């Protein structure tokens, strides 16, 4: 186990060092995900200009979408595009020769990139509170710890979901098209574009059985100190994680049998 953890630590350090060489690109990646701030402006204006009770004040909308932005940065996954490229180009072959499953190399690449993003997220968060001082708040220790737990589970689930879809690259050169379709549902059901509390009751009940609300909405509620059914949320996330992990292992074994390093 110590040897395995040592390999993972080395991969994370190497990935972090690589990302530091492309700090400007990392900044552009962070700034390219400003959609939550655009939605924040829309909903803040809507809460001021409508007689309907949206259940949240403009300040609460500002806090919510800041949480959405930060959660999105932490749980962002692009592994399907990396796996697709490696399979199509044949560059997966060297990774298969390494004494560790390629899954962990891709996983550590994401962790290293998260570390490289961290300083820019701190700066943007500080700038946000300078521009919207009324939105300043500090989560309690308990809320912060529960949110961190939920965020870790959300990242693992999001990664395994996308990695399972990436296995289709062994049969198709456009496996990423699956992620494009899946991302459309993610946008609407995760709370990315609007808090799920604004959705009709029937839609919320259906969404609660999908993995999407637990990737953004539930961590955001925890950060804001609002009550959530954490036990149920973690249980649903665990079930979906096991489902996609099983799908990944099934497709991985079948895919390796047909992989021939095409394009190498």
Protein backbone atom coordinates (compact mmCIF):
# COMPACT_ATOMS: atom_id res chain seq x y z
CA UNK A 1 0.00 0.00 0.00
CA UNK A 2 2.84 2.40 0.86
CA UNK A 3 4.45 1.75 -2.52
CA UNK A 4 1.13 2.39 -4.28
CA UNK A 5 0.54 5.65 -2.41
CA UNK A 6 4.11 6.67 -3.18
CA UNK A 7 3.47 6.21 -6.91
CA UNK A 8 0.29 8.29 -6.70
CA UNK A 9 2.10 11.05 -4.82
CA UNK A 10 4.82 11.09 -7.49
CA UNK A 11 2.24 11.31 -10.28
CA UNK A 12 0.49 14.23 -8.55
CA UNK A 13 3.78 16.10 -8.04
CA UNK A 14 4.77 15.55 -11.68
CA UNK A 15 1.37 16.68 -12.92
CA UNK A 16 1.49 19.76 -10.69
CA UNK A 17 4.94 20.65 -12.03
CA UNK A 18 3.70 20.30 -15.60
CA UNK A 19 0.72 22.55 -14.91
CA UNK A 20 2.97 25.23 -13.42
CA UNK A 21 4.66 25.44 -16.81
CA UNK A 22 1.31 26.46 -18.30
CA UNK A 23 0.06 28.89 -15.65
CA UNK A 24 -1.34 31.28 -18.26
CA UNK A 25 -3.33 28.45 -19.80
CA UNK A 26 -4.65 27.44 -16.38
CA UNK A 27 -5.84 31.03 -15.86
CA UNK A 28 -7.68 30.90 -19.18
CA UNK A 29 -9.30 27.59 -18.18
CA UNK A 30 -10.50 29.16 -14.94
CA UNK A 31 -11.84 32.27 -16.67
CA UNK A 32 -13.60 30.18 -19.32
CA UNK A 33 -15.95 28.86 -16.63
CA UNK A 34 -17.61 32.14 -15.71
CA UNK A 35 -21.11 30.99 -16.69
CA UNK A 36 -22.23 30.83 -13.01
CA UNK A 37 -21.48 34.54 -12.66
CA UNK A 38 -23.56 35.31 -15.75
CA UNK A 39 -26.43 33.27 -14.31
CA UNK A 40 -25.94 35.08 -11.00
CA UNK A 41 -26.62 38.40 -12.72
CA UNK A 42 -29.71 36.98 -14.42
CA UNK A 43 -31.23 35.60 -11.22
CA UNK A 44 -30.30 38.62 -9.10
CA UNK A 45 -32.08 40.84 -11.60
CA UNK A 46 -35.04 38.46 -11.76
CA UNK A 47 -35.40 38.45 -7.97
CA UNK A 48 -35.53 42.25 -7.97
CA UNK A 49 -37.78 42.73 -10.97
CA UNK A 50 -40.52 40.17 -10.40
CA UNK A 51 -43.39 40.02 -7.94
CA UNK A 52 -43.08 36.25 -7.70
CA UNK A 53 -41.30 34.94 -4.62
CA UNK A 54 -38.22 33.05 -5.83
CA UNK A 55 -37.30 32.02 -2.33
CA UNK A 56 -33.86 33.67 -2.45
CA UNK A 57 -32.73 37.26 -2.09
CA UNK A 58 -30.24 38.84 -4.53
CA UNK A 59 -27.48 38.36 -1.92
CA UNK A 60 -28.36 34.69 -1.51
CA UNK A 61 -28.27 34.23 -5.28
CA UNK A 62 -24.81 35.84 -5.33
CA UNK A 63 -23.54 33.45 -2.65
CA UNK A 64 -25.10 30.45 -4.33
CA UNK A 65 -23.53 31.07 -7.72
CA UNK A 66 -20.14 31.80 -6.17
CA UNK A 67 -20.41 28.34 -4.60
CA UNK A 68 -21.40 26.91 -8.00
CA UNK A 69 -18.34 28.48 -9.61
CA UNK A 70 -15.97 27.12 -6.95
CA UNK A 71 -17.54 23.66 -6.94
CA UNK A 72 -17.37 23.50 -10.71
CA UNK A 73 -13.66 24.35 -10.58
CA UNK A 74 -13.01 21.60 -8.04
CA UNK A 75 -15.05 18.89 -9.77
CA UNK A 76 -14.19 19.74 -13.39
CA UNK A 77 -13.24 16.61 -15.36
CA UNK A 78 -11.94 16.28 -18.92
CA UNK A 79 -10.56 12.73 -18.83
CA UNK A 80 -12.76 11.52 -21.68
CA UNK A 81 -10.95 13.78 -24.13
CA UNK A 82 -7.54 12.61 -22.88
CA UNK A 83 -8.42 8.92 -23.08
CA UNK A 84 -9.97 9.38 -26.53
CA UNK A 85 -6.80 11.08 -27.77
CA UNK A 86 -4.50 8.42 -26.32
CA UNK A 87 -6.53 5.57 -27.80
CA UNK A 88 -6.91 7.14 -31.25
CA UNK A 89 -3.25 8.15 -31.47
CA UNK A 90 -1.99 4.88 -30.01
CA UNK A 91 -0.18 6.69 -27.20
CA UNK A 92 -2.04 4.64 -24.59
CA UNK A 93 0.41 1.79 -25.19
CA UNK A 94 3.30 3.25 -23.09
CA UNK A 95 0.92 3.77 -20.18
CA UNK A 96 -0.17 0.14 -20.35
CA UNK A 97 3.46 -0.86 -19.80
CA UNK A 98 3.71 1.10 -16.56
CA UNK A 99 3.24 -0.86 -13.30
CA UNK A 100 -0.01 0.91 -12.45
CA UNK A 101 -3.44 1.12 -14.05
CA UNK A 102 -3.68 4.16 -16.42
CA UNK A 103 -6.82 5.11 -14.48
CA UNK A 104 -4.64 6.36 -11.63
CA UNK A 105 -2.34 8.35 -13.90
CA UNK A 106 -5.30 10.25 -15.34
CA UNK A 107 -6.76 10.68 -11.84
CA UNK A 108 -3.51 12.15 -10.51
CA UNK A 109 -3.29 14.46 -13.51
CA UNK A 110 -6.58 15.99 -12.41
CA UNK A 111 -5.42 16.35 -8.80
CA UNK A 112 -2.23 18.10 -9.89
CA UNK A 113 -4.21 20.48 -12.06
CA UNK A 114 -6.52 21.28 -9.11
CA UNK A 115 -3.50 22.34 -7.06
CA UNK A 116 -2.36 24.64 -9.87
CA UNK A 117 -5.83 26.26 -10.00
CA UNK A 118 -6.01 26.93 -6.28
CA UNK A 119 -4.16 30.30 -6.12
CA UNK A 120 -6.28 31.74 -8.94
CA UNK A 121 -9.49 30.60 -7.24
CA UNK A 122 -8.45 32.33 -4.02
CA UNK A 123 -7.74 35.56 -5.92
CA UNK A 124 -11.06 35.43 -7.80
CA UNK A 125 -12.97 34.72 -4.60
CA UNK A 126 -11.35 37.69 -2.87
CA UNK A 127 -12.15 39.90 -5.88
CA UNK A 128 -15.76 38.70 -5.80
CA UNK A 129 -16.17 39.80 -2.18
CA UNK A 130 -14.57 43.15 -2.98
CA UNK A 131 -17.19 43.69 -5.70
CA UNK A 132 -20.09 42.21 -3.65
CA UNK A 133 -19.20 42.89 0.01
CA UNK A 134 -22.79 42.20 1.10
CA UNK A 135 -22.36 38.59 -0.04
CA UNK A 136 -19.46 37.96 2.34
CA UNK A 137 -20.04 35.01 4.65
CA UNK A 138 -18.00 32.27 6.26
CA UNK A 139 -19.27 28.68 6.45
CA UNK A 140 -19.18 27.07 9.88
CA UNK A 141 -16.52 24.46 10.55
CA UNK A 142 -19.12 21.69 10.41
CA UNK A 143 -20.60 22.94 7.13
CA UNK A 144 -17.14 23.31 5.63
CA UNK A 145 -16.08 19.79 6.57
CA UNK A 146 -19.32 18.25 5.29
CA UNK A 147 -19.02 20.25 2.07
CA UNK A 148 -15.42 19.06 1.63
CA UNK A 149 -16.56 15.45 2.07
CA UNK A 150 -19.35 15.94 -0.44
CA UNK A 151 -16.99 17.67 -2.88
CA UNK A 152 -14.52 14.79 -2.72
CA UNK A 153 -17.31 12.29 -3.37
CA UNK A 154 -18.68 14.46 -6.21
CA UNK A 155 -15.27 14.66 -7.89
CA UNK A 156 -14.77 10.89 -7.67
CA UNK A 157 -18.26 10.25 -9.06
CA UNK A 158 -17.81 12.76 -11.89
CA UNK A 159 -14.42 11.30 -12.79
CA UNK A 160 -15.61 7.68 -12.82
CA UNK A 161 -18.72 8.62 -14.81
CA UNK A 162 -16.64 10.26 -17.51
CA UNK A 163 -13.96 7.57 -17.43
CA UNK A 164 -16.61 4.92 -18.04
CA UNK A 165 -17.86 6.86 -21.07
CA UNK A 166 -14.26 7.24 -22.24
CA UNK A 167 -13.98 3.47 -22.65
CA UNK A 168 -16.21 3.78 -25.72
CA UNK A 169 -13.10 5.20 -27.44
CA UNK A 170 -12.00 1.60 -28.02
CA UNK A 171 -14.94 1.27 -30.44
CA UNK A 172 -15.47 4.83 -31.66
CA UNK A 173 -13.28 7.83 -32.40
CA UNK A 174 -15.99 10.15 -31.06
CA UNK A 175 -16.53 8.86 -27.54
CA UNK A 176 -16.60 12.48 -26.36
CA UNK A 177 -19.99 12.88 -28.08
CA UNK A 178 -21.48 10.90 -25.17
CA UNK A 179 -20.10 13.44 -22.72
CA UNK A 180 -21.55 16.28 -24.79
CA UNK A 181 -25.03 14.75 -24.47
CA UNK A 182 -24.54 13.92 -20.78
CA UNK A 183 -23.32 17.46 -20.08
CA UNK A 184 -26.60 18.87 -21.38
CA UNK A 185 -28.50 17.02 -18.61
CA UNK A 186 -25.80 17.99 -16.13
CA UNK A 187 -26.36 21.68 -16.86
CA UNK A 188 -30.08 21.56 -16.06
CA UNK A 189 -30.30 18.99 -13.27
CA UNK A 190 -27.18 19.76 -11.23
CA UNK A 191 -28.13 23.27 -10.15
CA UNK A 192 -25.54 24.81 -12.45
CA UNK A 193 -27.95 27.15 -14.25
CA UNK A 194 -30.46 27.62 -11.43
CA UNK A 195 -30.98 26.37 -7.87
CA UNK A 196 -33.05 23.21 -7.86
CA UNK A 197 -35.36 24.84 -5.32
CA UNK A 198 -36.77 26.88 -8.25
CA UNK A 199 -37.70 23.75 -10.20
CA UNK A 200 -41.19 22.18 -10.12
CA UNK A 201 -41.64 19.56 -7.41
CA UNK A 202 -41.97 16.72 -9.92
CA UNK A 203 -38.72 17.62 -11.65
CA UNK A 204 -36.89 17.80 -8.32
CA UNK A 205 -38.14 14.39 -7.27
CA UNK A 206 -36.93 12.80 -10.50
CA UNK A 207 -33.61 14.65 -10.33
CA UNK A 208 -32.94 13.37 -6.81
CA UNK A 209 -32.57 9.82 -8.18
CA UNK A 210 -29.97 10.91 -10.72
CA UNK A 211 -26.33 11.72 -9.86
CA UNK A 212 -26.58 15.32 -11.05
CA UNK A 213 -27.91 17.27 -8.01
CA UNK A 214 -25.14 15.85 -5.83
CA UNK A 215 -22.40 17.16 -8.10
CA UNK A 216 -23.16 20.85 -7.52
CA UNK A 217 -26.43 21.62 -5.71
CA UNK A 218 -25.88 19.59 -2.54
CA UNK A 219 -22.27 20.79 -1.95
CA UNK A 220 -23.46 24.37 -2.52
CA UNK A 221 -26.24 23.96 0.04
CA UNK A 222 -23.75 22.60 2.56
CA UNK A 223 -21.37 25.52 2.01
CA UNK A 224 -24.25 27.92 2.55
CA UNK A 225 -25.22 26.16 5.78
CA UNK A 226 -28.62 25.04 4.54
CA UNK A 227 -30.18 21.72 5.60
CA UNK A 228 -29.77 18.78 3.23
CA UNK A 229 -30.38 15.05 3.50
CA UNK A 230 -26.67 14.24 3.48
CA UNK A 231 -27.13 10.54 4.24
CA UNK A 232 -29.42 10.01 1.28
CA UNK A 233 -27.23 12.13 -0.96
CA UNK A 234 -24.07 10.19 -0.15
CA UNK A 235 -25.95 6.90 -0.55
CA UNK A 236 -27.20 7.87 -4.03
CA UNK A 237 -23.69 9.01 -4.98
CA UNK A 238 -22.22 5.72 -3.74
CA UNK A 239 -24.69 3.69 -5.80
CA UNK A 240 -24.00 5.64 -8.98
CA UNK A 241 -20.25 5.44 -8.36
CA UNK A 242 -20.45 1.66 -8.11
CA UNK A 243 -22.63 1.46 -11.23
CA UNK A 244 -20.23 3.50 -13.35
CA UNK A 245 -17.18 1.79 -11.86
CA UNK A 246 -18.63 -1.58 -12.85
CA UNK A 247 -19.39 -0.25 -16.34
CA UNK A 248 -15.84 1.09 -16.63
CA UNK A 249 -14.24 -2.23 -15.64
CA UNK A 250 -16.48 -4.16 -18.03
CA UNK A 251 -15.73 -1.87 -20.98
CA UNK A 252 -12.03 -1.63 -20.09
CA UNK A 253 -11.50 -5.38 -20.23
CA UNK A 254 -13.46 -5.71 -23.45
CA UNK A 255 -11.73 -2.69 -24.98
CA UNK A 256 -8.21 -3.91 -24.22
CA UNK A 257 -8.91 -7.09 -26.19
CA UNK A 258 -9.55 -5.05 -29.32
CA UNK A 259 -7.02 -2.26 -28.74
CA UNK A 260 -4.20 -2.38 -31.29
CA UNK A 261 -2.45 0.95 -30.78
CA UNK A 262 -3.94 2.37 -33.97
CA UNK A 263 -2.22 5.44 -35.23
CA UNK A 264 1.01 4.63 -33.37
